[in-house]
């Protein structure tokens, strides 16, 4: 049985009330899935944690286990015994549990205990820092906005060009790609505005649209700024 199959079986066990069995499978998946299938990296930090927290709504032991993993990894980071990947794990757990303030607090503590590691984790921590409205810290960690924006725009059009060859997942993948681009631009704009650089915030937002060459992609990006759309309907199950 591969990692993907084990995750689906865990979700099935959860739905059928076999709670402890499901929990043990989620724990295994979190610790070992990437050893067998590195391609499950994104699934491990999204759908798998989503299934896990759903289980926790009816089986509190599951949330206790998830919080224990989060605590162990955060403590290892603060000791300097872990790296960026574990920071991403903690960040994903905090996000799924609806408490990104903990990610922000961890980053601030990490900057004190392990400055070099904090520098490595800075880009990943930015969303939590912005959510905490620490715009001064965010500005110090933010890369130069315009070069980053131009790079992201090129990547956006490249990725959407590749999506055209994947008709089965075309609509959700296109939406997600555009959403991620706009989300990052909004974060840059929020940081600039939060530091009262309103003129630059306005310029970066306009540039984020105008720099895109494809008329259809440019139109969809502009629409996300005006009225963000919801993701295509999907199910974890």
Protein backbone atom coordinates (compact mmCIF):
# COMPACT_ATOMS: atom_id res chain seq x y z
CA UNK A 1 0.00 0.00 0.00
CA UNK A 2 1.49 3.36 -0.99
CA UNK A 3 1.25 6.62 0.93
CA UNK A 4 -1.68 7.97 -1.05
CA UNK A 5 -3.67 4.79 -0.47
CA UNK A 6 -2.90 4.88 3.23
CA UNK A 7 -4.16 8.45 3.46
CA UNK A 8 -7.39 7.56 1.70
CA UNK A 9 -7.84 4.56 3.98
CA UNK A 10 -7.26 6.79 7.02
CA UNK A 11 -9.91 9.22 5.81
CA UNK A 12 -12.30 6.31 5.22
CA UNK A 13 -11.64 4.94 8.71
CA UNK A 14 -12.36 8.37 10.15
CA UNK A 15 -15.69 8.62 8.33
CA UNK A 16 -16.66 5.12 9.43
CA UNK A 17 -15.96 5.81 13.10
CA UNK A 18 -12.74 3.81 13.40
CA UNK A 19 -11.14 6.81 15.06
CA UNK A 20 -8.02 5.35 16.67
CA UNK A 21 -7.13 3.47 13.50
CA UNK A 22 -7.52 6.67 11.50
CA UNK A 23 -5.37 8.63 13.94
CA UNK A 24 -2.51 6.14 13.80
CA UNK A 25 -2.58 6.27 10.01
CA UNK A 26 -2.48 10.09 10.02
CA UNK A 27 0.47 10.03 12.40
CA UNK A 28 2.27 7.52 10.17
CA UNK A 29 1.52 9.60 7.08
CA UNK A 30 2.86 12.78 8.64
CA UNK A 31 6.12 11.17 9.71
CA UNK A 32 6.80 8.75 6.86
CA UNK A 33 4.84 9.56 3.68
CA UNK A 34 7.64 11.57 2.08
CA UNK A 35 10.11 8.73 2.60
CA UNK A 36 8.08 6.68 0.12
CA UNK A 37 6.58 9.39 -2.10
CA UNK A 38 8.21 12.84 -2.08
CA UNK A 39 5.47 14.02 -4.46
CA UNK A 40 3.04 13.93 -1.51
CA UNK A 41 4.70 17.00 0.03
CA UNK A 42 1.79 19.34 -0.73
CA UNK A 43 -0.88 16.79 0.17
CA UNK A 44 0.83 16.11 3.49
CA UNK A 45 0.55 19.76 4.53
CA UNK A 46 -2.95 20.36 3.18
CA UNK A 47 -5.46 17.55 2.66
CA UNK A 48 -3.85 15.23 5.22
CA UNK A 49 -3.96 17.86 7.95
CA UNK A 50 -7.48 18.72 6.90
CA UNK A 51 -8.62 15.14 7.33
CA UNK A 52 -6.80 15.00 10.65
CA UNK A 53 -8.48 18.11 12.08
CA UNK A 54 -11.87 16.87 10.86
CA UNK A 55 -11.25 13.71 12.88
CA UNK A 56 -10.35 15.90 15.83
CA UNK A 57 -13.82 17.42 15.84
CA UNK A 58 -15.28 14.07 16.91
CA UNK A 59 -12.21 12.49 18.49
CA UNK A 60 -10.35 15.05 20.65
CA UNK A 61 -7.37 12.71 21.08
CA UNK A 62 -6.55 13.41 17.42
CA UNK A 63 -6.13 17.15 18.06
CA UNK A 64 -4.07 16.41 21.16
CA UNK A 65 -1.74 14.28 19.04
CA UNK A 66 -1.45 16.95 16.36
CA UNK A 67 -0.69 19.65 18.92
CA UNK A 68 1.93 17.39 20.52
CA UNK A 69 3.69 16.99 17.17
CA UNK A 70 3.54 20.74 16.67
CA UNK A 71 5.02 21.34 20.14
CA UNK A 72 7.87 18.88 19.62
CA UNK A 73 8.80 20.40 16.26
CA UNK A 74 8.63 23.97 17.56
CA UNK A 75 10.88 23.09 20.49
CA UNK A 76 13.36 21.40 18.16
CA UNK A 77 13.46 24.53 16.01
CA UNK A 78 14.14 26.76 19.00
CA UNK A 79 16.98 24.45 20.06
CA UNK A 80 18.45 24.65 16.58
CA UNK A 81 17.89 20.93 16.00
CA UNK A 82 15.58 21.33 12.96
CA UNK A 83 15.34 23.40 9.82
CA UNK A 84 13.02 25.05 7.34
CA UNK A 85 11.01 21.91 6.57
CA UNK A 86 9.96 21.54 10.19
CA UNK A 87 9.11 25.23 10.33
CA UNK A 88 6.82 24.67 7.35
CA UNK A 89 5.26 21.71 9.17
CA UNK A 90 4.54 23.85 12.24
CA UNK A 91 3.22 26.66 10.07
CA UNK A 92 0.84 24.30 8.24
CA UNK A 93 -0.46 22.85 11.50
CA UNK A 94 -1.05 26.33 12.93
CA UNK A 95 -2.88 27.34 9.77
CA UNK A 96 -5.08 24.25 9.83
CA UNK A 97 -5.88 24.81 13.51
CA UNK A 98 -6.74 28.45 12.78
CA UNK A 99 -4.02 30.03 14.91
CA UNK A 100 -1.34 31.65 12.76
CA UNK A 101 -0.48 33.90 15.73
CA UNK A 102 1.46 30.93 17.07
CA UNK A 103 3.55 30.84 13.88
CA UNK A 104 4.30 34.54 14.30
CA UNK A 105 5.28 34.05 17.94
CA UNK A 106 7.49 31.10 17.02
CA UNK A 107 9.27 33.16 14.37
CA UNK A 108 9.91 36.03 16.77
CA UNK A 109 11.34 33.58 19.31
CA UNK A 110 13.38 31.90 16.59
CA UNK A 111 14.89 35.24 15.58
CA UNK A 112 16.21 35.51 19.13
CA UNK A 113 17.44 31.94 19.61
CA UNK A 114 18.59 31.00 16.09
CA UNK A 115 18.98 34.10 13.89
CA UNK A 116 20.46 32.19 10.95
CA UNK A 117 17.58 29.74 10.91
CA UNK A 118 15.09 32.60 11.25
CA UNK A 119 16.59 34.17 8.14
CA UNK A 120 16.10 30.87 6.30
CA UNK A 121 12.46 30.72 7.43
CA UNK A 122 11.64 34.39 6.81
CA UNK A 123 9.87 33.99 3.46
CA UNK A 124 7.70 31.17 4.79
CA UNK A 125 6.84 33.17 7.91
CA UNK A 126 5.75 36.33 6.08
CA UNK A 127 2.02 35.45 5.83
CA UNK A 128 1.80 34.90 9.60
CA UNK A 129 3.78 38.07 10.28
CA UNK A 130 1.46 40.10 8.08
CA UNK A 131 -1.60 38.47 9.68
CA UNK A 132 -0.20 39.59 13.05
CA UNK A 133 0.09 43.14 11.60
CA UNK A 134 3.76 43.43 12.46
CA UNK A 135 4.38 45.43 9.31
CA UNK A 136 7.73 46.76 10.46
CA UNK A 137 9.13 43.23 10.81
CA UNK A 138 7.49 42.19 7.54
CA UNK A 139 9.14 45.11 5.72
CA UNK A 140 12.57 44.07 7.01
CA UNK A 141 12.05 40.52 5.77
CA UNK A 142 10.28 41.30 2.50
CA UNK A 143 12.42 41.02 -0.65
CA UNK A 144 12.47 44.04 -3.02
CA UNK A 145 8.86 44.11 -4.31
CA UNK A 146 9.29 44.94 -7.98
CA UNK A 147 11.94 42.31 -8.90
CA UNK A 148 9.97 39.70 -6.97
CA UNK A 149 6.74 40.71 -8.69
CA UNK A 150 8.26 40.53 -12.18
CA UNK A 151 9.70 37.09 -11.42
CA UNK A 152 6.36 35.85 -10.10
CA UNK A 153 4.52 37.17 -13.16
CA UNK A 154 6.82 35.23 -15.48
CA UNK A 155 6.32 32.09 -13.40
CA UNK A 156 2.55 32.63 -13.42
CA UNK A 157 2.31 32.72 -17.20
CA UNK A 158 4.69 29.78 -17.53
CA UNK A 159 2.66 27.67 -15.10
CA UNK A 160 -0.64 28.54 -16.76
CA UNK A 161 0.86 27.62 -20.12
CA UNK A 162 1.65 24.16 -18.73
CA UNK A 163 -1.85 23.79 -17.30
CA UNK A 164 -3.29 23.86 -20.84
CA UNK A 165 -1.84 20.40 -21.35
CA UNK A 166 -3.64 19.00 -18.29
CA UNK A 167 -7.35 19.21 -19.19
CA UNK A 168 -8.55 17.05 -16.31
CA UNK A 169 -7.42 19.52 -13.64
CA UNK A 170 -7.34 22.61 -15.80
CA UNK A 171 -9.96 24.81 -14.08
CA UNK A 172 -8.91 24.25 -10.44
CA UNK A 173 -5.20 24.47 -11.28
CA UNK A 174 -5.63 27.72 -13.21
CA UNK A 175 -7.66 29.26 -10.40
CA UNK A 176 -5.12 28.16 -7.77
CA UNK A 177 -2.19 29.50 -9.77
CA UNK A 178 -3.80 32.91 -10.24
CA UNK A 179 -5.01 33.00 -6.64
CA UNK A 180 -1.51 32.32 -5.31
CA UNK A 181 -0.05 35.10 -7.46
CA UNK A 182 -2.66 37.63 -6.38
CA UNK A 183 -2.35 36.54 -2.76
CA UNK A 184 1.38 37.24 -2.78
CA UNK A 185 0.89 40.61 -4.45
CA UNK A 186 -1.75 41.56 -1.88
CA UNK A 187 0.70 40.66 0.86
CA UNK A 188 3.35 42.96 -0.63
CA UNK A 189 0.79 45.75 -0.95
CA UNK A 190 -0.38 45.25 2.64
CA UNK A 191 3.18 45.47 3.94
CA UNK A 192 3.85 48.66 2.00
CA UNK A 193 0.57 50.24 3.08
CA UNK A 194 1.12 49.10 6.65
CA UNK A 195 4.34 51.10 6.63
CA UNK A 196 2.48 54.09 5.10
CA UNK A 197 4.19 53.79 1.72
CA UNK A 198 0.85 54.21 -0.01
CA UNK A 199 2.21 55.45 -3.33
CA UNK A 200 4.44 52.39 -3.72
CA UNK A 201 1.60 50.11 -2.66
CA UNK A 202 -0.60 51.56 -5.41
CA UNK A 203 2.20 51.28 -7.98
CA UNK A 204 2.96 47.64 -7.15
CA UNK A 205 -0.70 46.67 -7.36
CA UNK A 206 -1.04 48.30 -10.81
CA UNK A 207 2.24 46.75 -11.97
CA UNK A 208 1.07 43.30 -10.89
CA UNK A 209 -1.63 43.51 -13.54
CA UNK A 210 0.13 45.44 -16.31
CA UNK A 211 3.28 43.28 -16.32
CA UNK A 212 1.31 40.20 -17.44
CA UNK A 213 1.48 39.71 -21.19
CA UNK A 214 -1.41 37.32 -21.77
CA UNK A 215 -4.70 39.27 -22.10
CA UNK A 216 -6.78 36.45 -20.61
CA UNK A 217 -4.44 35.94 -17.65
CA UNK A 218 -4.20 39.70 -17.11
CA UNK A 219 -8.01 39.93 -17.10
CA UNK A 220 -8.36 37.09 -14.57
CA UNK A 221 -5.73 38.60 -12.29
CA UNK A 222 -7.42 42.01 -12.40
CA UNK A 223 -10.75 40.37 -11.58
CA UNK A 224 -9.26 38.74 -8.47
CA UNK A 225 -8.24 42.16 -7.19
CA UNK A 226 -11.69 43.63 -7.81
CA UNK A 227 -13.86 40.72 -6.67
CA UNK A 228 -12.02 37.58 -5.57
CA UNK A 229 -13.74 34.42 -6.80
CA UNK A 230 -14.22 31.25 -4.81
CA UNK A 231 -12.24 28.13 -5.70
CA UNK A 232 -13.92 25.52 -7.92
CA UNK A 233 -16.01 23.13 -5.88
CA UNK A 234 -14.06 20.09 -4.74
CA UNK A 235 -14.10 17.54 -1.97
CA UNK A 236 -11.42 16.06 0.18
CA UNK A 237 -13.28 12.83 -0.06
